[in-house]
């Protein structure tokens, strides 16, 4: 299975009206098994296919292949000190990043 996602700018919210980017806490819960790294500000988690919830929601399995370099990075909605957190679905890393683009998953805004 190949995983394809269009890159979007991480400097703005790519989600349509009524949707939002998931929060950092939502990504940590979705991946599970997260431990904050020694340096703080980043987490080592299960990768998406190791999390039954993430795998079922996004359709990512152990056989998923990502088509472009760092395609597995997805933007979260949490911005701290101007930095957006990125989630690496392939390796389970959650970290601050200054990358200019990443994939984005939007969730329905229930507020």
C-alpha atoms as a PDB file:
ATOM      1  CA  UNK A   1       0.000   0.000   0.000  1.00  0.00           C
ATOM      2  CA  UNK A   2       1.319   3.431  -0.907  1.00  0.00           C
ATOM      3  CA  UNK A   3       0.434   6.427   1.215  1.00  0.00           C
ATOM      4  CA  UNK A   4      -0.212   9.661  -0.645  1.00  0.00           C
ATOM      5  CA  UNK A   5      -0.868  13.030   0.863  1.00  0.00           C
ATOM      6  CA  UNK A   6      -0.620  16.469  -0.666  1.00  0.00           C
ATOM      7  CA  UNK A   7       1.780  18.827   1.051  1.00  0.00           C
ATOM      8  CA  UNK A   8       0.342  21.988   2.537  1.00  0.00           C
ATOM      9  CA  UNK A   9       1.947  25.065   4.068  1.00  0.00           C
ATOM     10  CA  UNK A  10       2.591  24.747   7.792  1.00  0.00           C
ATOM     11  CA  UNK A  11       2.329  28.525   8.212  1.00  0.00           C
ATOM     12  CA  UNK A  12      -1.456  28.574   7.974  1.00  0.00           C
ATOM     13  CA  UNK A  13      -4.398  26.341   8.826  1.00  0.00           C
ATOM     14  CA  UNK A  14      -5.134  24.215   5.731  1.00  0.00           C
ATOM     15  CA  UNK A  15      -8.479  22.937   7.022  1.00  0.00           C
ATOM     16  CA  UNK A  16     -11.820  24.012   5.553  1.00  0.00           C
ATOM     17  CA  UNK A  17     -14.459  25.787   7.617  1.00  0.00           C
ATOM     18  CA  UNK A  18     -15.833  23.516  10.331  1.00  0.00           C
ATOM     19  CA  UNK A  19     -12.614  21.496  10.561  1.00  0.00           C
ATOM     20  CA  UNK A  20      -9.313  21.982  12.355  1.00  0.00           C
ATOM     21  CA  UNK A  21      -5.905  20.400  12.720  1.00  0.00           C
ATOM     22  CA  UNK A  22      -5.666  17.843  15.552  1.00  0.00           C
ATOM     23  CA  UNK A  23      -4.041  19.097  18.743  1.00  0.00           C
ATOM     24  CA  UNK A  24      -0.744  17.804  20.048  1.00  0.00           C
ATOM     25  CA  UNK A  25      -2.596  15.950  22.810  1.00  0.00           C
ATOM     26  CA  UNK A  26      -4.881  14.264  20.262  1.00  0.00           C
ATOM     27  CA  UNK A  27      -1.889  12.995  18.245  1.00  0.00           C
ATOM     28  CA  UNK A  28      -0.143  11.700  21.386  1.00  0.00           C
ATOM     29  CA  UNK A  29      -3.308   9.816  22.387  1.00  0.00           C
ATOM     30  CA  UNK A  30      -3.850   8.481  18.856  1.00  0.00           C
ATOM     31  CA  UNK A  31      -0.328   7.066  18.514  1.00  0.00           C
ATOM     32  CA  UNK A  32      -0.028   5.879  22.121  1.00  0.00           C
ATOM     33  CA  UNK A  33       3.054   4.636  23.956  1.00  0.00           C
ATOM     34  CA  UNK A  34       4.515   8.153  23.987  1.00  0.00           C
ATOM     35  CA  UNK A  35       7.448   9.113  26.164  1.00  0.00           C
ATOM     36  CA  UNK A  36       8.829  12.627  26.276  1.00  0.00           C
ATOM     37  CA  UNK A  37      12.390  12.712  24.994  1.00  0.00           C
ATOM     38  CA  UNK A  38      15.312  13.491  27.266  1.00  0.00           C
ATOM     39  CA  UNK A  39      15.616  17.021  25.832  1.00  0.00           C
ATOM     40  CA  UNK A  40      11.908  17.776  26.277  1.00  0.00           C
ATOM     41  CA  UNK A  41       9.592  19.291  23.701  1.00  0.00           C
ATOM     42  CA  UNK A  42       9.419  16.120  21.613  1.00  0.00           C
ATOM     43  CA  UNK A  43       8.047  12.614  22.107  1.00  0.00           C
ATOM     44  CA  UNK A  44       8.873   9.087  21.004  1.00  0.00           C
ATOM     45  CA  UNK A  45       5.619   7.222  20.336  1.00  0.00           C
ATOM     46  CA  UNK A  46       4.361   4.131  18.555  1.00  0.00           C
ATOM     47  CA  UNK A  47       4.400   4.536  14.805  1.00  0.00           C
ATOM     48  CA  UNK A  48       0.950   4.645  13.235  1.00  0.00           C
ATOM     49  CA  UNK A  49       0.749   0.986  12.186  1.00  0.00           C
ATOM     50  CA  UNK A  50       1.622  -0.121  15.750  1.00  0.00           C
ATOM     51  CA  UNK A  51      -1.386   1.797  17.064  1.00  0.00           C
ATOM     52  CA  UNK A  52      -4.610  -0.009  16.209  1.00  0.00           C
ATOM     53  CA  UNK A  53      -6.576   3.245  16.450  1.00  0.00           C
ATOM     54  CA  UNK A  54      -4.223   5.218  14.179  1.00  0.00           C
ATOM     55  CA  UNK A  55      -3.885   2.363  11.710  1.00  0.00           C
ATOM     56  CA  UNK A  56      -7.656   1.902  11.462  1.00  0.00           C
ATOM     57  CA  UNK A  57      -8.343   5.634  11.182  1.00  0.00           C
ATOM     58  CA  UNK A  58      -5.692   6.438   8.568  1.00  0.00           C
ATOM     59  CA  UNK A  59      -5.397   3.058   6.838  1.00  0.00           C
ATOM     60  CA  UNK A  60      -1.661   2.808   7.465  1.00  0.00           C
ATOM     61  CA  UNK A  61      -0.214  -0.680   7.921  1.00  0.00           C
ATOM     62  CA  UNK A  62       3.253  -2.182   8.297  1.00  0.00           C
ATOM     63  CA  UNK A  63       3.296  -2.554   4.491  1.00  0.00           C
ATOM     64  CA  UNK A  64       2.550   1.131   3.824  1.00  0.00           C
ATOM     65  CA  UNK A  65       5.236   2.857   1.772  1.00  0.00           C
ATOM     66  CA  UNK A  66       5.587   6.617   1.757  1.00  0.00           C
ATOM     67  CA  UNK A  67       6.137   8.101  -1.708  1.00  0.00           C
ATOM     68  CA  UNK A  68       8.198  11.200  -1.052  1.00  0.00           C
ATOM     69  CA  UNK A  69      10.889  12.127   1.391  1.00  0.00           C
ATOM     70  CA  UNK A  70       9.398  12.745   4.827  1.00  0.00           C
ATOM     71  CA  UNK A  71       5.857  12.294   3.456  1.00  0.00           C
ATOM     72  CA  UNK A  72       4.888  10.763   6.753  1.00  0.00           C
ATOM     73  CA  UNK A  73       5.168  14.150   8.503  1.00  0.00           C
ATOM     74  CA  UNK A  74       1.786  15.633   9.308  1.00  0.00           C
ATOM     75  CA  UNK A  75       1.159  19.016  10.866  1.00  0.00           C
ATOM     76  CA  UNK A  76      -0.581  19.329  14.203  1.00  0.00           C
ATOM     77  CA  UNK A  77      -2.656  22.285  15.300  1.00  0.00           C
ATOM     78  CA  UNK A  78      -0.467  23.147  18.255  1.00  0.00           C
ATOM     79  CA  UNK A  79       1.884  26.075  17.810  1.00  0.00           C
ATOM     80  CA  UNK A  80       4.244  26.928  20.668  1.00  0.00           C
ATOM     81  CA  UNK A  81       6.632  29.878  20.407  1.00  0.00           C
ATOM     82  CA  UNK A  82       5.790  30.120  16.713  1.00  0.00           C
ATOM     83  CA  UNK A  83       6.734  26.483  16.037  1.00  0.00           C
ATOM     84  CA  UNK A  84       4.285  23.951  14.687  1.00  0.00           C
ATOM     85  CA  UNK A  85       4.563  20.402  15.968  1.00  0.00           C
ATOM     86  CA  UNK A  86       4.901  17.669  13.350  1.00  0.00           C
ATOM     87  CA  UNK A  87       3.995  14.020  13.733  1.00  0.00           C
ATOM     88  CA  UNK A  88       6.001  11.384  11.861  1.00  0.00           C
ATOM     89  CA  UNK A  89       3.558   8.515  11.268  1.00  0.00           C
ATOM     90  CA  UNK A  90       6.255   6.176   9.992  1.00  0.00           C
ATOM     91  CA  UNK A  91       8.606   6.460  12.991  1.00  0.00           C
ATOM     92  CA  UNK A  92       6.311   7.760  15.746  1.00  0.00           C
ATOM     93  CA  UNK A  93       8.270  10.964  16.371  1.00  0.00           C
ATOM     94  CA  UNK A  94       6.397  14.054  17.535  1.00  0.00           C
ATOM     95  CA  UNK A  95       8.531  17.183  17.482  1.00  0.00           C
ATOM     96  CA  UNK A  96       8.732  20.886  16.832  1.00  0.00           C
ATOM     97  CA  UNK A  97       9.741  21.644  13.286  1.00  0.00           C
ATOM     98  CA  UNK A  98      10.323  24.660  11.103  1.00  0.00           C
ATOM     99  CA  UNK A  99       9.503  22.753   7.912  1.00  0.00           C
ATOM    100  CA  UNK A 100       7.565  24.877   5.467  1.00  0.00           C
ATOM    101  CA  UNK A 101       5.217  22.082   4.384  1.00  0.00           C
ATOM    102  CA  UNK A 102       3.789  18.769   5.547  1.00  0.00           C
ATOM    103  CA  UNK A 103       0.704  16.621   5.056  1.00  0.00           C
ATOM    104  CA  UNK A 104      -2.370  17.638   6.989  1.00  0.00           C
ATOM    105  CA  UNK A 105      -5.275  15.726   8.482  1.00  0.00           C
ATOM    106  CA  UNK A 106      -8.304  17.738   9.473  1.00  0.00           C
ATOM    107  CA  UNK A 107     -10.841  16.747  12.108  1.00  0.00           C
ATOM    108  CA  UNK A 108     -14.391  18.019  12.491  1.00  0.00           C
ATOM    109  CA  UNK A 109     -14.502  20.957  14.883  1.00  0.00           C
ATOM    110  CA  UNK A 110     -17.065  20.141  17.552  1.00  0.00           C
ATOM    111  CA  UNK A 111     -16.911  23.507  19.316  1.00  0.00           C
END
